[in-house]
Amino acid sequence: MFFVAQPEPSRLGDVLMAFLSIVFEGAPYILVGTVLSGLIAAFLDSRLLDKVLPKNGVLSTLVAGVLGLVFPVCECAVVPVIKRLVQKGLPVSCAVTYMLAAPIMNPIVAISTLTAFKEFQKVTGWETLGNATMTISRLSLGYAVAVIVGLIVLRFRPDQILKPKVVEGIAKANPDAGHAHAPASSFNAKLVHAMRAAMGDFLDTTMYFTIGVIITSVFNTQVDQSILNTVASNEWLALPSIMGLAVVLSLCSTSDAFIAAPMAVFSMAAKLAFLVFGPMMDIKLLFMYSGVFKRRVVLALLIGLFFLIGVLSEPWMMMIQKLAAK
């Protein structure tokens, strides 16, 4: 009897094994998220959002924070969407709140976070939702941060926030502004447009995701994890370092939980900061934001979100854990 010789353990093999395990877990969520994003881009009348929001600025900002549960999009798709919505008359505060909250406050992200942190097996009904501490913490903190930023934006005029070309689109009040390539009105044409948009989003998202997974696989298998103990155990260094990592990796919110979950040396609060800050601010978003907002606004978002999430993550996680223990 002949036996196939097993390959010798190698560093490259370890990296490939870690890479494939993360890809197989995260890729389905990217696919589902981008298909939904494409359908929304083709079939959703953007004016509908303006109609369903309350006229009161504060109330509309609060409602905008949960619209991601109804109209889920990832951060890769939300920026062009909110640009079109603003040019159709959606208040800037609502647009910013939706832009920050939607990549976190949506069902695909909730399911992927439950899966990545093995919280699905702990949740058997409404009475056991307290076991899903990371998922609940992520969604609730993401909502709170987005609303806080939206309420701050509410105090400013659109021309103080948006780039001049975007403001000009609002002034024209053209229903078709920002839709130079809008799909035809027939169902088949919209469906084709949706699939094309989903394919483009999937390819773009997969590229960033793959780069992030490669870096994470090398990080998890080739970097001596004991080196990170000093950083991870230091409360002052753990949060800033992992939030900086979120900016560099530029992961999609539908799959970033699979990157954060294996980082055993970091605390749950640090992972929470990673999962909230990343979908709101990373390298690709910096460039995308710059096409809609003024440069000083983008810088203010970067600094403000970094400090706000960094300060809130630890007490927020402790609060959710205490509530879950009751």
Protein backbone atom coordinates (compact mmCIF):
# COMPACT_ATOMS: atom_id res chain seq x y z
CA MET A 1 0.00 0.00 0.00
CA PHE A 2 1.32 3.37 -0.96
CA PHE A 3 0.84 6.41 1.16
CA VAL A 4 0.91 9.94 -0.16
CA ALA A 5 3.68 11.83 1.51
CA GLN A 6 2.36 14.68 3.56
CA PRO A 7 4.04 18.03 2.97
CA GLU A 8 6.37 19.22 5.66
CA PRO A 9 5.05 22.03 7.86
CA SER A 10 6.12 25.36 6.49
CA ARG A 11 5.63 29.02 7.26
CA LEU A 12 4.00 29.54 3.86
CA GLY A 13 1.61 26.66 4.55
CA ASP A 14 0.58 28.22 7.84
CA VAL A 15 -0.11 31.51 6.10
CA LEU A 16 -2.15 29.82 3.35
CA MET A 17 -4.18 27.82 5.86
CA ALA A 18 -5.01 30.95 7.87
CA PHE A 19 -5.77 32.86 4.66
CA LEU A 20 -8.19 30.25 3.29
CA SER A 21 -10.01 29.79 6.60
CA ILE A 22 -10.77 33.52 6.83
CA VAL A 23 -11.69 33.82 3.14
CA PHE A 24 -14.15 30.89 3.27
CA GLU A 25 -15.82 32.38 6.34
CA GLY A 26 -16.02 35.99 5.15
CA ALA A 27 -16.57 35.79 1.37
CA PRO A 28 -20.25 34.70 1.51
CA TYR A 29 -21.14 37.78 3.54
CA ILE A 30 -19.36 40.05 1.09
CA LEU A 31 -21.35 38.46 -1.76
CA VAL A 32 -24.70 38.88 0.00
CA GLY A 33 -23.89 42.44 1.04
CA THR A 34 -22.84 43.57 -2.44
CA VAL A 35 -25.89 41.96 -4.10
CA LEU A 36 -28.15 43.86 -1.70
CA SER A 37 -26.18 47.02 -2.39
CA GLY A 38 -26.68 46.58 -6.13
CA LEU A 39 -30.42 46.01 -5.75
CA ILE A 40 -30.72 49.15 -3.63
CA ALA A 41 -28.72 51.19 -6.15
CA ALA A 42 -31.02 50.11 -8.99
CA PHE A 43 -34.47 49.86 -7.42
CA LEU A 44 -34.57 52.28 -4.48
CA ASP A 45 -35.98 55.71 -5.21
CA SER A 46 -33.68 57.93 -3.18
CA ARG A 47 -36.51 60.40 -2.59
CA LEU A 48 -38.24 57.76 -0.50
CA LEU A 49 -35.74 58.30 2.34
CA ASP A 50 -36.56 61.99 2.46
CA LYS A 51 -40.28 61.17 2.64
CA VAL A 52 -40.03 58.73 5.53
CA LEU A 53 -37.81 60.93 7.72
CA PRO A 54 -39.42 63.28 10.29
CA LYS A 55 -39.26 66.99 9.55
CA ASN A 56 -37.65 67.72 12.92
CA GLY A 57 -33.86 67.76 12.51
CA VAL A 58 -33.04 65.91 15.73
CA LEU A 59 -35.69 63.23 15.21
CA SER A 60 -34.71 62.71 11.58
CA THR A 61 -31.08 62.26 12.63
CA LEU A 62 -32.11 59.65 15.21
CA VAL A 63 -34.16 57.80 12.58
CA ALA A 64 -31.39 58.01 9.98
CA GLY A 65 -29.16 56.01 12.30
CA VAL A 66 -31.35 52.90 11.97
CA LEU A 67 -32.08 53.11 8.24
CA GLY A 68 -29.27 50.65 7.64
CA LEU A 69 -31.52 47.93 9.06
CA VAL A 70 -33.95 48.59 6.19
CA PHE A 71 -31.51 49.73 3.48
CA PRO A 72 -28.27 47.84 4.28
CA VAL A 73 -25.12 48.94 2.46
CA CYS A 74 -21.44 48.51 3.24
CA GLU A 75 -19.06 51.45 3.56
CA CYS A 76 -17.76 50.82 0.04
CA ALA A 77 -21.16 51.72 -1.45
CA VAL A 78 -22.62 54.21 1.01
CA VAL A 79 -20.56 57.28 0.06
CA PRO A 80 -21.82 57.62 -3.55
CA VAL A 81 -25.32 56.83 -2.30
CA ILE A 82 -25.38 59.64 0.26
CA LYS A 83 -23.93 62.06 -2.28
CA ARG A 84 -26.93 61.42 -4.53
CA LEU A 85 -29.33 61.61 -1.59
CA VAL A 86 -27.95 64.97 -0.44
CA GLN A 87 -28.28 66.38 -3.94
CA LYS A 88 -31.93 65.29 -3.91
CA GLY A 89 -32.59 67.25 -0.72
CA LEU A 90 -31.80 64.86 2.13
CA PRO A 91 -30.50 66.87 5.14
CA VAL A 92 -26.73 66.66 5.51
CA SER A 93 -27.01 65.60 9.16
CA CYS A 94 -29.20 62.64 8.17
CA ALA A 95 -26.87 61.74 5.31
CA VAL A 96 -23.79 61.75 7.55
CA THR A 97 -25.57 59.74 10.24
CA TYR A 98 -26.74 57.17 7.69
CA MET A 99 -23.27 57.09 6.09
CA LEU A 100 -21.59 56.24 9.40
CA ALA A 101 -24.27 53.95 10.84
CA ALA A 102 -25.40 51.92 7.82
CA PRO A 103 -22.19 49.88 7.44
CA ILE A 104 -22.64 48.72 11.05
CA MET A 105 -26.38 48.92 11.74
CA ASN A 106 -27.45 46.37 9.16
CA PRO A 107 -28.56 42.72 9.37
CA ILE A 108 -25.69 41.29 7.29
CA VAL A 109 -23.11 42.77 9.64
CA ALA A 110 -25.08 41.58 12.67
CA ILE A 111 -25.14 38.00 11.36
CA SER A 112 -21.46 38.02 10.37
CA THR A 113 -20.46 39.36 13.79
CA LEU A 114 -22.56 36.73 15.55
CA THR A 115 -20.90 34.05 13.43
CA ALA A 116 -17.32 35.30 13.77
CA PHE A 117 -17.50 35.55 17.57
CA LYS A 118 -19.33 32.22 17.88
CA GLU A 119 -22.32 33.99 19.42
CA PHE A 120 -24.84 32.33 17.11
CA GLN A 121 -24.64 29.08 19.07
CA LYS A 122 -25.31 30.97 22.30
CA VAL A 123 -28.45 32.71 21.01
CA THR A 124 -31.55 30.51 20.88
CA GLY A 125 -34.20 33.17 21.34
CA TRP A 126 -34.92 36.71 22.47
CA GLU A 127 -34.25 35.74 26.08
CA THR A 128 -30.64 34.73 25.26
CA LEU A 129 -29.67 37.79 23.22
CA GLY A 130 -27.62 38.92 26.20
CA ASN A 131 -25.04 36.29 25.23
CA ALA A 132 -24.32 38.20 21.99
CA THR A 133 -22.38 40.91 23.80
CA MET A 134 -20.01 41.81 20.96
CA THR A 135 -22.77 42.03 18.36
CA ILE A 136 -25.00 44.15 20.60
CA SER A 137 -22.08 46.35 21.64
CA ARG A 138 -21.01 46.89 18.05
CA LEU A 139 -24.44 47.83 16.71
CA SER A 140 -25.37 50.04 19.66
CA LEU A 141 -22.06 51.90 19.84
CA GLY A 142 -22.04 52.36 16.07
CA TYR A 143 -25.50 53.88 16.25
CA ALA A 144 -24.61 56.15 19.18
CA VAL A 145 -21.43 57.48 17.54
CA ALA A 146 -23.18 58.08 14.21
CA VAL A 147 -26.01 60.01 15.88
CA ILE A 148 -23.59 62.11 17.93
CA VAL A 149 -21.71 63.11 14.78
CA GLY A 150 -24.98 63.74 12.93
CA LEU A 151 -26.27 66.04 15.68
CA ILE A 152 -23.00 68.00 15.52
CA VAL A 153 -23.31 68.33 11.73
CA LEU A 154 -26.87 69.57 12.23
CA ARG A 155 -25.42 72.85 13.55
CA PHE A 156 -23.65 73.64 10.26
CA ARG A 157 -24.84 74.75 6.84
CA PRO A 158 -24.36 72.40 3.85
CA ASP A 159 -21.83 74.77 2.25
CA GLN A 160 -19.69 74.51 5.41
CA ILE A 161 -19.60 70.73 5.17
CA LEU A 162 -19.81 69.78 1.51
CA LYS A 163 -17.55 70.46 -1.41
CA PRO A 164 -18.72 73.28 -3.74
CA LYS A 165 -19.63 70.94 -6.60
CA VAL A 166 -21.93 68.95 -4.30
CA VAL A 167 -23.54 72.14 -3.01
CA GLU A 168 -24.11 73.23 -6.61
CA GLY A 169 -25.99 70.00 -7.21
CA ILE A 170 -28.29 70.82 -4.30
CA ALA A 171 -28.90 74.33 -5.60
CA LYS A 172 -29.93 73.04 -9.01
CA ALA A 173 -32.57 70.85 -7.33
CA ASN A 174 -32.43 68.52 -10.29
CA PRO A 175 -34.17 65.21 -9.54
CA ASP A 176 -31.66 63.46 -11.78
CA ALA A 177 -28.58 65.09 -10.27
CA GLY A 178 -25.84 62.60 -9.78
CA HIS A 179 -27.52 60.07 -12.05
CA ALA A 180 -25.80 60.67 -15.34
CA HIS A 181 -25.74 56.92 -15.79
CA ALA A 182 -29.12 56.07 -14.25
CA PRO A 183 -30.59 52.81 -15.47
CA ALA A 184 -33.60 52.63 -17.75
CA SER A 185 -37.03 52.37 -16.20
CA SER A 186 -37.79 48.78 -17.26
CA PHE A 187 -37.44 46.04 -14.69
CA ASN A 188 -34.96 44.03 -16.79
CA ALA A 189 -32.72 47.07 -17.32
CA LYS A 190 -32.77 47.82 -13.58
CA LEU A 191 -31.94 44.22 -12.79
CA VAL A 192 -28.98 44.28 -15.18
CA HIS A 193 -27.85 47.55 -13.59
CA ALA A 194 -28.18 46.00 -10.13
CA MET A 195 -26.06 42.99 -11.07
CA ARG A 196 -23.41 45.17 -12.69
CA ALA A 197 -23.28 47.41 -9.63
CA ALA A 198 -23.09 44.36 -7.36
CA MET A 199 -20.29 42.87 -9.47
CA GLY A 200 -18.30 46.10 -9.32
CA ASP A 201 -18.82 46.42 -5.56
CA PHE A 202 -17.89 42.76 -5.06
CA LEU A 203 -14.65 43.08 -7.02
CA ASP A 204 -13.67 46.30 -5.26
CA THR A 205 -14.58 44.96 -1.83
CA THR A 206 -12.88 41.61 -2.44
CA MET A 207 -9.66 43.35 -3.43
CA TYR A 208 -9.50 45.27 -0.15
CA PHE A 209 -10.66 42.21 1.80
CA THR A 210 -7.99 39.98 0.23
CA ILE A 211 -5.23 42.45 1.01
CA GLY A 212 -6.49 42.67 4.59
CA VAL A 213 -6.69 38.89 4.95
CA ILE A 214 -3.15 38.44 3.62
CA ILE A 215 -1.81 40.96 6.12
CA THR A 216 -3.85 39.38 8.93
CA SER A 217 -2.77 35.83 8.00
CA VAL A 218 0.89 36.82 8.08
CA PHE A 219 0.26 38.77 11.28
CA ASN A 220 -1.43 35.83 13.02
CA THR A 221 1.02 33.12 11.91
CA GLN A 222 4.41 34.75 11.43
CA VAL A 223 4.52 37.52 14.01
CA ASP A 224 5.49 36.40 17.48
CA GLN A 225 2.27 37.09 19.36
CA SER A 226 4.20 37.60 22.60
CA ILE A 227 5.53 40.83 21.08
CA LEU A 228 1.97 42.15 21.07
CA ASN A 229 1.39 41.36 24.73
CA THR A 230 3.01 44.62 25.77
CA VAL A 231 0.77 46.58 23.42
CA ALA A 232 -2.41 44.56 23.97
CA SER A 233 -2.13 44.54 27.75
CA ASN A 234 -1.49 48.27 27.89
CA GLU A 235 -4.82 50.02 27.99
CA TRP A 236 -3.32 53.21 26.53
CA LEU A 237 -1.68 51.46 23.59
CA ALA A 238 -4.11 48.65 22.74
CA LEU A 239 -7.00 50.81 21.52
CA PRO A 240 -4.98 53.27 19.39
CA SER A 241 -2.91 50.49 17.83
CA ILE A 242 -5.85 48.30 16.83
CA MET A 243 -7.81 51.32 15.54
CA GLY A 244 -4.79 52.27 13.45
CA LEU A 245 -4.75 48.70 12.15
CA ALA A 246 -8.41 49.07 11.15
CA VAL A 247 -7.51 52.14 9.07
CA VAL A 248 -4.68 50.31 7.31
CA LEU A 249 -6.53 47.06 6.61
CA SER A 250 -9.55 48.88 5.10
CA LEU A 251 -11.82 45.86 5.51
CA CYS A 252 -15.47 45.62 4.57
CA SER A 253 -17.86 45.75 7.52
CA THR A 254 -19.55 42.54 6.36
CA SER A 255 -16.38 40.55 6.98
CA ASP A 256 -14.11 42.47 9.37
CA ALA A 257 -15.43 40.55 12.38
CA PHE A 258 -13.66 37.46 11.02
CA ILE A 259 -10.40 39.42 11.21
CA ALA A 260 -10.99 40.76 14.72
CA ALA A 261 -12.26 37.58 16.37
CA PRO A 262 -8.96 35.60 16.17
CA MET A 263 -6.93 38.47 17.70
CA ALA A 264 -6.82 36.78 21.08
CA VAL A 265 -4.23 39.10 22.61
CA PHE A 266 -6.54 42.10 22.37
CA SER A 267 -9.37 42.74 24.80
CA MET A 268 -13.02 42.73 23.80
CA ALA A 269 -13.10 46.51 24.17
CA ALA A 270 -10.18 46.87 21.76
CA LYS A 271 -11.91 44.57 19.27
CA LEU A 272 -15.06 46.65 19.64
CA ALA A 273 -13.11 49.80 18.77
CA PHE A 274 -11.71 47.99 15.71
CA LEU A 275 -15.18 46.92 14.56
CA VAL A 276 -16.76 50.36 15.00
CA PHE A 277 -13.95 52.62 13.82
CA GLY A 278 -12.98 50.58 10.74
CA PRO A 279 -16.34 50.83 8.91
CA MET A 280 -16.45 54.58 9.63
CA MET A 281 -12.88 55.52 8.76
CA ASP A 282 -10.18 53.73 6.79
CA ILE A 283 -7.79 54.48 3.94
CA LYS A 284 -10.27 53.92 1.13
CA LEU A 285 -12.95 55.95 2.93
CA LEU A 286 -10.57 58.86 3.38
CA PHE A 287 -10.33 59.16 -0.39
CA MET A 288 -14.08 58.59 -0.89
CA TYR A 289 -15.01 61.17 1.75
CA SER A 290 -12.72 63.71 0.07
CA GLY A 291 -14.94 63.62 -3.01
CA VAL A 292 -17.98 64.77 -1.03
CA PHE A 293 -16.79 66.69 2.04
CA LYS A 294 -14.34 69.54 2.45
CA ARG A 295 -10.83 68.56 3.45
CA ARG A 296 -11.07 70.05 6.95
CA VAL A 297 -14.33 68.14 7.51
CA VAL A 298 -12.67 64.86 6.55
CA LEU A 299 -9.80 65.64 8.94
CA ALA A 300 -12.29 66.52 11.69
CA LEU A 301 -14.11 63.22 11.09
CA LEU A 302 -10.86 61.27 11.31
CA ILE A 303 -9.73 62.88 14.57
CA GLY A 304 -13.20 63.13 16.12
CA LEU A 305 -14.18 59.52 15.42
CA PHE A 306 -10.81 58.26 16.63
CA PHE A 307 -11.12 59.96 20.02
CA LEU A 308 -14.87 59.42 20.43
CA ILE A 309 -14.73 55.68 19.74
CA GLY A 310 -11.49 55.29 21.68
CA VAL A 311 -13.02 56.91 24.76
CA LEU A 312 -16.36 55.10 24.60
CA SER A 313 -15.30 51.53 23.71
CA GLU A 314 -14.13 50.39 27.14
CA PRO A 315 -17.05 51.73 29.23
CA TRP A 316 -19.54 50.71 26.53
CA MET A 317 -18.36 47.10 26.48
CA MET A 318 -18.42 46.99 30.30
CA MET A 319 -21.97 48.38 30.31
CA ILE A 320 -23.25 45.79 27.81
CA GLN A 321 -21.54 42.95 29.69
CA LYS A 322 -23.10 44.07 32.97
CA LEU A 323 -26.54 44.30 31.36
CA ALA A 324 -26.07 40.83 29.83
CA ALA A 325 -25.13 39.38 33.21
CA LYS A 326 -28.41 40.46 34.79
